[in-house]
Protein backbone atom coordinates (compact mmCIF):
# COMPACT_ATOMS: atom_id res chain seq x y z
CA MET A 1 6.75 -11.16 -4.96
CA VAL A 2 4.62 -9.21 -2.49
CA ASP A 3 3.39 -5.85 -3.79
CA ARG A 4 3.11 -2.71 -1.73
CA MET A 5 -0.47 -1.45 -1.83
CA PRO A 6 -0.98 2.26 -2.44
CA PRO A 7 -3.14 4.02 0.14
CA ALA A 8 -6.81 3.72 -0.77
CA ARG A 9 -10.10 4.74 0.74
CA GLY A 10 -13.07 2.49 1.29
CA ASP A 11 -13.44 -1.14 2.16
CA ARG A 12 -11.41 -3.83 0.43
CA ASN A 13 -11.92 -7.57 0.39
CA LEU A 14 -8.99 -9.55 1.73
CA ARG A 15 -8.70 -13.04 0.26
CA ILE A 16 -6.62 -15.70 1.98
CA GLU A 17 -5.41 -18.50 -0.29
CA LEU A 18 -4.86 -21.66 1.69
CA GLY A 19 -3.95 -23.82 -1.28
CA HIS A 20 -5.10 -25.08 -4.62
CA VAL A 21 -5.42 -28.23 -6.66
CA HIS A 22 -6.01 -28.85 -10.35
CA LEU A 23 -8.70 -31.46 -10.98
CA PRO A 24 -9.90 -32.86 -14.28
CA TRP A 25 -13.59 -32.24 -14.91
CA GLU A 26 -14.37 -35.92 -14.27
CA LYS A 27 -13.05 -35.60 -10.69
CA VAL A 28 -14.94 -32.34 -10.11
CA SER A 29 -18.18 -33.95 -11.29
CA GLU A 30 -17.62 -36.80 -8.80
CA LEU A 31 -17.43 -34.45 -5.78
CA SER A 32 -20.04 -35.11 -3.11
CA VAL A 33 -20.63 -34.33 0.55
CA GLY A 34 -17.97 -36.04 2.65
CA LYS A 35 -15.37 -36.34 -0.12
CA VAL A 36 -11.90 -35.08 0.81
CA VAL A 37 -9.92 -32.95 -1.64
CA SER A 38 -6.17 -32.81 -0.96
CA LEU A 39 -4.45 -29.51 -1.66
CA GLU A 40 -0.99 -29.10 -3.18
CA SER A 41 0.31 -27.12 -0.18
CA LEU A 42 1.66 -28.42 3.12
CA VAL A 43 0.22 -27.68 6.56
CA ASP A 44 3.14 -25.48 7.66
CA GLU A 45 3.46 -23.49 4.41
CA PRO A 46 2.52 -19.81 4.57
CA VAL A 47 -0.81 -18.73 3.10
CA ASP A 48 -1.07 -15.87 0.61
CA LEU A 49 -3.02 -12.66 1.33
CA PHE A 50 -4.60 -10.94 -1.68
CA VAL A 51 -6.50 -7.73 -2.29
CA GLY A 52 -8.10 -8.23 -5.68
CA GLU A 53 -5.51 -10.12 -7.68
CA ARG A 54 -2.58 -8.42 -5.94
CA LEU A 55 -0.51 -10.44 -3.47
CA ILE A 56 -0.02 -8.12 -0.48
CA GLY A 57 1.44 -10.41 2.18
CA ARG A 58 1.84 -13.86 3.64
CA GLY A 59 0.82 -15.41 6.92
CA GLU A 60 0.30 -18.53 8.95
CA VAL A 61 -3.00 -20.13 9.88
CA LEU A 62 -3.90 -20.26 13.57
CA VAL A 63 -6.95 -21.30 15.55
CA LEU A 64 -8.07 -18.85 18.22
CA ASP A 65 -11.18 -19.48 20.33
CA GLY A 66 -12.36 -22.08 17.82
CA CYS A 67 -12.02 -19.74 14.80
CA PHE A 68 -9.45 -19.70 12.04
CA CYS A 69 -7.26 -16.62 11.97
CA ILE A 70 -4.10 -15.52 10.18
CA ARG A 71 -0.89 -14.20 11.73
CA VAL A 72 0.71 -11.89 9.17
CA THR A 73 4.33 -12.93 8.73
CA GLN A 74 5.40 -11.00 5.65
CA LEU A 75 4.47 -7.61 4.22
CA PRO A 76 6.26 -5.56 1.59
CA ARG A 77 8.95 -3.24 2.87
CA GLN A 78 7.84 0.33 3.35
CA SER A 79 10.00 2.93 1.64
CA LYS A 80 11.52 5.53 3.96
CA SER A 81 9.83 8.33 2.02
CA THR A 82 6.31 7.19 3.09
């Protein structure tokens, strides 16, 4: 579930989670330059947007002018009182 963030002042770090994979320590210790690690998520699945440990939205990965970017596709609903 996506949480609505309360208004806050100051800078916040936005973390984009593309995917994850659980590896046994033996596999981690075998990692080297050039090795490929497959993630458990599919190419067209939305990525998660986090501030701290709080999920605040979802989006899709795009490439714009040679750089990765995220199109926000889901945010929590704003209440009518705010």
